[in-house]
Amino acid sequence: MRKFLLLCYFLGTIIAELYFLGLFVLGYPSTSRSKRSHIHSRSSFELEAKDISGSKCDSIKVRKEWRTLSYSEKASYIKSVKCLTQKPAKILGKSYRRWDDFQFVHCEKINEIHSTSIFLPCKSTLSTAVLWHRYFLYLYEKALREECELSGPIPYWDWTLDAKNFTRSPIWSPDPIVRTSE
């Protein structure tokens, strides 16, 4: 019975998160925090489930470590991220930018996603936090590609390579085209 309840809780949580994050794909027209409050009260069953068993992956997205990107890949990524900071928000309203939408959702869900100890009730090492972040990254990448014309890969930073001296990491390049900070 306990396993069944954990499974129900886990599935309900995942469905609710997918619904909430799905608002990014469609956009959400509300403009104030009070108008957004009903997002949290919606039924998790409003999201239609899609059976993906037997489906085929036609294109695999490859993540590259920052150091392995070509100069043009770095420039494309930075340009696309800056583009998100210029696009109007779809969730937060006119005084915010698309980039803020992603920050808002992550901050709103931080206690549920980062403070969870619930794992899949089967022989798996994927937690809800891992699944949530994969979907979140998928939506972020989709926004970069469709709204800001990202052509290259989404990079990651292997900070363990810089653990002895973070300030000398190539991710902090002074080059105005590929630098990650202003």
C-alpha atoms as a PDB file:
ATOM      1  CA  MET A   1       0.000   0.000   0.000  1.00  0.00           C
ATOM      2  CA  ARG A   2       2.850   2.393   0.867  1.00  0.00           C
ATOM      3  CA  LYS A   3       4.482   1.812  -2.524  1.00  0.00           C
ATOM      4  CA  PHE A   4       1.160   2.467  -4.243  1.00  0.00           C
ATOM      5  CA  LEU A   5       0.692   5.755  -2.364  1.00  0.00           C
ATOM      6  CA  LEU A   6       4.244   6.831  -3.193  1.00  0.00           C
ATOM      7  CA  LEU A   7       3.623   5.983  -6.844  1.00  0.00           C
ATOM      8  CA  CYS A   8       0.388   8.029  -6.865  1.00  0.00           C
ATOM      9  CA  TYR A   9       2.117  10.962  -5.184  1.00  0.00           C
ATOM     10  CA  PHE A  10       5.054  10.791  -7.577  1.00  0.00           C
ATOM     11  CA  LEU A  11       2.877  10.581 -10.693  1.00  0.00           C
ATOM     12  CA  GLY A  12       0.638  13.406  -9.476  1.00  0.00           C
ATOM     13  CA  THR A  13       3.671  15.582  -8.808  1.00  0.00           C
ATOM     14  CA  ILE A  14       5.190  14.895 -12.230  1.00  0.00           C
ATOM     15  CA  ILE A  15       1.895  15.554 -14.021  1.00  0.00           C
ATOM     16  CA  ALA A  16       1.407  18.808 -12.116  1.00  0.00           C
ATOM     17  CA  GLU A  17       4.961  19.932 -12.899  1.00  0.00           C
ATOM     18  CA  LEU A  18       4.589  19.093 -16.580  1.00  0.00           C
ATOM     19  CA  TYR A  19       1.349  21.060 -16.703  1.00  0.00           C
ATOM     20  CA  PHE A  20       2.911  24.035 -14.950  1.00  0.00           C
ATOM     21  CA  LEU A  21       5.997  24.015 -17.152  1.00  0.00           C
ATOM     22  CA  GLY A  22       3.811  23.471 -20.208  1.00  0.00           C
ATOM     23  CA  LEU A  23       2.589  27.026 -19.723  1.00  0.00           C
ATOM     24  CA  PHE A  24       5.934  28.093 -21.198  1.00  0.00           C
ATOM     25  CA  VAL A  25       5.119  26.385 -24.471  1.00  0.00           C
ATOM     26  CA  LEU A  26       1.701  28.034 -24.784  1.00  0.00           C
ATOM     27  CA  GLY A  27       2.505  31.195 -22.896  1.00  0.00           C
ATOM     28  CA  TYR A  28       0.477  32.446 -19.980  1.00  0.00           C
ATOM     29  CA  PRO A  29      -1.291  35.791 -20.302  1.00  0.00           C
ATOM     30  CA  SER A  30      -1.583  36.846 -16.657  1.00  0.00           C
ATOM     31  CA  THR A  31       0.204  40.001 -15.576  1.00  0.00           C
ATOM     32  CA  SER A  32       0.216  39.973 -11.800  1.00  0.00           C
ATOM     33  CA  ARG A  33       1.224  37.517  -9.120  1.00  0.00           C
ATOM     34  CA  SER A  34      -2.333  37.415  -7.738  1.00  0.00           C
ATOM     35  CA  LYS A  35      -3.664  36.461 -11.155  1.00  0.00           C
ATOM     36  CA  ARG A  36      -1.067  33.682 -11.384  1.00  0.00           C
ATOM     37  CA  SER A  37      -2.029  32.118  -8.050  1.00  0.00           C
ATOM     38  CA  HIS A  38      -4.571  29.808  -9.668  1.00  0.00           C
ATOM     39  CA  ILE A  39      -1.742  28.043 -11.525  1.00  0.00           C
ATOM     40  CA  HIS A  40      -0.984  26.181  -8.302  1.00  0.00           C
ATOM     41  CA  SER A  41      -4.601  25.169  -7.646  1.00  0.00           C
ATOM     42  CA  ARG A  42      -5.301  23.623 -11.030  1.00  0.00           C
ATOM     43  CA  SER A  43      -5.939  19.888 -11.156  1.00  0.00           C
ATOM     44  CA  SER A  44      -2.906  17.849 -12.147  1.00  0.00           C
ATOM     45  CA  PHE A  45      -5.153  15.737 -14.352  1.00  0.00           C
ATOM     46  CA  GLU A  46      -5.773  18.584 -16.794  1.00  0.00           C
ATOM     47  CA  LEU A  47      -2.654  17.513 -18.630  1.00  0.00           C
ATOM     48  CA  GLU A  48      -3.303  14.817 -21.186  1.00  0.00           C
ATOM     49  CA  ALA A  49      -0.914  11.921 -20.876  1.00  0.00           C
ATOM     50  CA  LYS A  50       0.806  10.691 -24.006  1.00  0.00           C
ATOM     51  CA  ASP A  51       2.063   7.139 -24.290  1.00  0.00           C
ATOM     52  CA  ILE A  52       5.659   7.256 -25.475  1.00  0.00           C
ATOM     53  CA  SER A  53       6.384   3.545 -25.228  1.00  0.00           C
ATOM     54  CA  GLY A  54       7.640   2.268 -28.536  1.00  0.00           C
ATOM     55  CA  SER A  55       8.408   5.767 -29.771  1.00  0.00           C
ATOM     56  CA  LYS A  56      11.622   6.395 -31.656  1.00  0.00           C
ATOM     57  CA  CYS A  57      14.161   9.130 -30.988  1.00  0.00           C
ATOM     58  CA  ASP A  58      15.026  10.723 -34.326  1.00  0.00           C
ATOM     59  CA  SER A  59      17.549  13.253 -33.076  1.00  0.00           C
ATOM     60  CA  ILE A  60      19.668  13.147 -29.965  1.00  0.00           C
ATOM     61  CA  LYS A  61      20.671  16.453 -28.432  1.00  0.00           C
ATOM     62  CA  VAL A  62      24.326  16.494 -27.471  1.00  0.00           C
ATOM     63  CA  ARG A  63      25.457  18.683 -24.595  1.00  0.00           C
ATOM     64  CA  LYS A  64      29.013  19.978 -24.856  1.00  0.00           C
ATOM     65  CA  GLU A  65      31.262  21.270 -22.119  1.00  0.00           C
ATOM     66  CA  TRP A  66      31.961  25.007 -22.550  1.00  0.00           C
ATOM     67  CA  ARG A  67      35.647  24.448 -23.379  1.00  0.00           C
ATOM     68  CA  THR A  68      34.783  22.143 -26.295  1.00  0.00           C
ATOM     69  CA  LEU A  69      32.506  24.623 -28.082  1.00  0.00           C
ATOM     70  CA  SER A  70      33.812  26.402 -31.140  1.00  0.00           C
ATOM     71  CA  TYR A  71      33.933  30.182 -31.027  1.00  0.00           C
ATOM     72  CA  SER A  72      30.844  30.395 -33.255  1.00  0.00           C
ATOM     73  CA  GLU A  73      28.923  27.933 -31.018  1.00  0.00           C
ATOM     74  CA  LYS A  74      29.761  30.029 -27.948  1.00  0.00           C
ATOM     75  CA  ALA A  75      28.733  33.221 -29.747  1.00  0.00           C
ATOM     76  CA  SER A  76      25.441  31.656 -30.908  1.00  0.00           C
ATOM     77  CA  TYR A  77      24.587  30.484 -27.396  1.00  0.00           C
ATOM     78  CA  ILE A  78      25.417  33.827 -25.728  1.00  0.00           C
ATOM     79  CA  LYS A  79      23.505  35.732 -28.433  1.00  0.00           C
ATOM     80  CA  SER A  80      20.443  33.501 -27.895  1.00  0.00           C
ATOM     81  CA  VAL A  81      20.521  33.911 -24.109  1.00  0.00           C
ATOM     82  CA  LYS A  82      20.781  37.692 -24.498  1.00  0.00           C
ATOM     83  CA  CYS A  83      17.842  37.496 -26.922  1.00  0.00           C
ATOM     84  CA  LEU A  84      15.710  35.871 -24.178  1.00  0.00           C
ATOM     85  CA  THR A  85      16.498  38.843 -21.960  1.00  0.00           C
ATOM     86  CA  GLN A  86      14.981  41.130 -24.610  1.00  0.00           C
ATOM     87  CA  LYS A  87      11.816  39.145 -25.472  1.00  0.00           C
ATOM     88  CA  PRO A  88       8.597  39.946 -23.587  1.00  0.00           C
ATOM     89  CA  ALA A  89       7.590  37.506 -20.859  1.00  0.00           C
ATOM     90  CA  LYS A  90       4.807  34.995 -21.511  1.00  0.00           C
ATOM     91  CA  ILE A  91       3.959  34.411 -17.843  1.00  0.00           C
ATOM     92  CA  LEU A  92       4.987  37.430 -15.807  1.00  0.00           C
ATOM     93  CA  GLY A  93       3.598  40.329 -17.798  1.00  0.00           C
ATOM     94  CA  LYS A  94       4.779  43.380 -19.700  1.00  0.00           C
ATOM     95  CA  SER A  95       7.432  44.648 -17.303  1.00  0.00           C
ATOM     96  CA  TYR A  96       9.327  41.338 -17.392  1.00  0.00           C
ATOM     97  CA  ARG A  97      11.315  39.460 -19.996  1.00  0.00           C
ATOM     98  CA  ARG A  98      11.187  35.876 -21.263  1.00  0.00           C
ATOM     99  CA  TRP A  99      14.335  35.050 -19.276  1.00  0.00           C
ATOM    100  CA  ASP A 100      12.466  36.099 -16.113  1.00  0.00           C
ATOM    101  CA  ASP A 101       9.755  33.515 -16.852  1.00  0.00           C
ATOM    102  CA  PHE A 102      12.307  30.734 -16.455  1.00  0.00           C
ATOM    103  CA  GLN A 103      13.746  32.261 -13.291  1.00  0.00           C
ATOM    104  CA  PHE A 104      10.247  32.657 -11.838  1.00  0.00           C
ATOM    105  CA  VAL A 105       9.216  29.042 -12.416  1.00  0.00           C
ATOM    106  CA  HIS A 106      12.464  27.698 -11.014  1.00  0.00           C
ATOM    107  CA  CYS A 107      12.182  29.896  -7.909  1.00  0.00           C
ATOM    108  CA  GLU A 108       8.491  29.063  -7.410  1.00  0.00           C
ATOM    109  CA  LYS A 109       9.161  25.325  -7.500  1.00  0.00           C
ATOM    110  CA  ILE A 110      12.510  25.301  -5.668  1.00  0.00           C
ATOM    111  CA  ASN A 111      11.215  23.782  -2.419  1.00  0.00           C
ATOM    112  CA  GLU A 112       9.334  21.040  -4.220  1.00  0.00           C
ATOM    113  CA  ILE A 113      12.133  20.210  -6.630  1.00  0.00           C
ATOM    114  CA  HIS A 114      15.342  20.743  -4.677  1.00  0.00           C
ATOM    115  CA  SER A 115      14.128  19.552  -1.284  1.00  0.00           C
ATOM    116  CA  THR A 116      12.563  16.292  -2.373  1.00  0.00           C
ATOM    117  CA  SER A 117      13.670  12.852  -1.282  1.00  0.00           C
ATOM    118  CA  ILE A 118      11.099  11.006  -3.349  1.00  0.00           C
ATOM    119  CA  PHE A 119      12.583   8.608  -5.843  1.00  0.00           C
ATOM    120  CA  LEU A 120      10.891   6.519  -8.473  1.00  0.00           C
ATOM    121  CA  PRO A 121       9.303   3.546  -6.705  1.00  0.00           C
ATOM    122  CA  CYS A 122      11.233   1.083  -8.831  1.00  0.00           C
ATOM    123  CA  LYS A 123      14.828   0.154  -9.596  1.00  0.00           C
ATOM    124  CA  SER A 124      15.844   3.552 -10.902  1.00  0.00           C
ATOM    125  CA  THR A 125      18.145   6.342  -9.847  1.00  0.00           C
ATOM    126  CA  LEU A 126      16.107   9.139 -11.437  1.00  0.00           C
ATOM    127  CA  SER A 127      14.447  11.394  -8.896  1.00  0.00           C
ATOM    128  CA  THR A 128      11.653  13.869  -9.526  1.00  0.00           C
ATOM    129  CA  ALA A 129      14.271  16.629  -9.327  1.00  0.00           C
ATOM    130  CA  VAL A 130      16.256  15.051 -12.162  1.00  0.00           C
ATOM    131  CA  LEU A 131      13.157  14.560 -14.316  1.00  0.00           C
ATOM    132  CA  TRP A 132      11.894  18.074 -13.589  1.00  0.00           C
ATOM    133  CA  HIS A 133      15.205  19.674 -14.494  1.00  0.00           C
ATOM    134  CA  ARG A 134      15.464  17.652 -17.704  1.00  0.00           C
ATOM    135  CA  TYR A 135      12.062  18.902 -18.784  1.00  0.00           C
ATOM    136  CA  PHE A 136      12.898  22.428 -17.645  1.00  0.00           C
ATOM    137  CA  LEU A 137      16.107  22.352 -19.716  1.00  0.00           C
ATOM    138  CA  TYR A 138      14.124  20.995 -22.676  1.00  0.00           C
ATOM    139  CA  LEU A 139      11.736  23.981 -22.484  1.00  0.00           C
ATOM    140  CA  TYR A 140      14.644  26.407 -22.062  1.00  0.00           C
ATOM    141  CA  GLU A 141      16.396  24.949 -25.103  1.00  0.00           C
ATOM    142  CA  LYS A 142      13.156  25.026 -27.095  1.00  0.00           C
ATOM    143  CA  ALA A 143      12.734  28.728 -26.276  1.00  0.00           C
ATOM    144  CA  LEU A 144      16.333  29.468 -27.285  1.00  0.00           C
ATOM    145  CA  ARG A 145      15.923  27.618 -30.594  1.00  0.00           C
ATOM    146  CA  GLU A 146      12.431  28.742 -31.581  1.00  0.00           C
ATOM    147  CA  GLU A 147      12.351  32.267 -30.161  1.00  0.00           C
ATOM    148  CA  CYS A 148      16.016  33.252 -30.440  1.00  0.00           C
ATOM    149  CA  GLU A 149      17.407  31.127 -33.283  1.00  0.00           C
ATOM    150  CA  LEU A 150      20.002  29.138 -31.339  1.00  0.00           C
ATOM    151  CA  SER A 151      21.789  26.962 -33.872  1.00  0.00           C
ATOM    152  CA  GLY A 152      24.392  25.174 -31.758  1.00  0.00           C
ATOM    153  CA  PRO A 153      24.300  22.990 -28.661  1.00  0.00           C
ATOM    154  CA  ILE A 154      23.358  23.965 -25.117  1.00  0.00           C
ATOM    155  CA  PRO A 155      26.634  23.935 -23.183  1.00  0.00           C
ATOM    156  CA  TYR A 156      27.333  22.862 -19.653  1.00  0.00           C
ATOM    157  CA  TRP A 157      30.173  23.894 -17.372  1.00  0.00           C
ATOM    158  CA  ASP A 158      32.257  21.156 -15.788  1.00  0.00           C
ATOM    159  CA  TRP A 159      33.178  23.273 -12.800  1.00  0.00           C
ATOM    160  CA  THR A 160      35.206  20.425 -11.295  1.00  0.00           C
ATOM    161  CA  LEU A 161      37.917  21.273 -13.835  1.00  0.00           C
ATOM    162  CA  ASP A 162      38.103  24.734 -12.278  1.00  0.00           C
ATOM    163  CA  ALA A 163      37.640  23.782  -8.636  1.00  0.00           C
ATOM    164  CA  LYS A 164      41.094  24.984  -7.629  1.00  0.00           C
ATOM    165  CA  ASN A 165      40.608  28.418  -9.171  1.00  0.00           C
ATOM    166  CA  PHE A 166      37.140  29.354 -10.418  1.00  0.00           C
ATOM    167  CA  THR A 167      38.169  32.870 -11.385  1.00  0.00           C
ATOM    168  CA  ARG A 168      40.524  31.561 -14.071  1.00  0.00           C
ATOM    169  CA  SER A 169      37.902  29.440 -15.788  1.00  0.00           C
ATOM    170  CA  PRO A 170      37.513  30.081 -19.526  1.00  0.00           C
ATOM    171  CA  ILE A 171      33.786  30.513 -18.912  1.00  0.00           C
ATOM    172  CA  TRP A 172      34.592  34.033 -17.634  1.00  0.00           C
ATOM    173  CA  SER A 173      36.155  35.093 -20.934  1.00  0.00           C
ATOM    174  CA  PRO A 174      36.736  38.851 -21.323  1.00  0.00           C
ATOM    175  CA  ASP A 175      35.827  38.555 -25.035  1.00  0.00           C
ATOM    176  CA  PRO A 176      32.731  40.771 -25.554  1.00  0.00           C
ATOM    177  CA  ILE A 177      31.158  38.267 -27.970  1.00  0.00           C
ATOM    178  CA  VAL A 178      31.395  35.106 -25.862  1.00  0.00           C
ATOM    179  CA  ARG A 179      31.657  36.327 -22.283  1.00  0.00           C
ATOM    180  CA  THR A 180      29.025  35.022 -19.885  1.00  0.00           C
ATOM    181  CA  SER A 181      28.814  38.128 -17.715  1.00  0.00           C
ATOM    182  CA  GLU A 182      28.441  41.839 -18.363  1.00  0.00           C
END
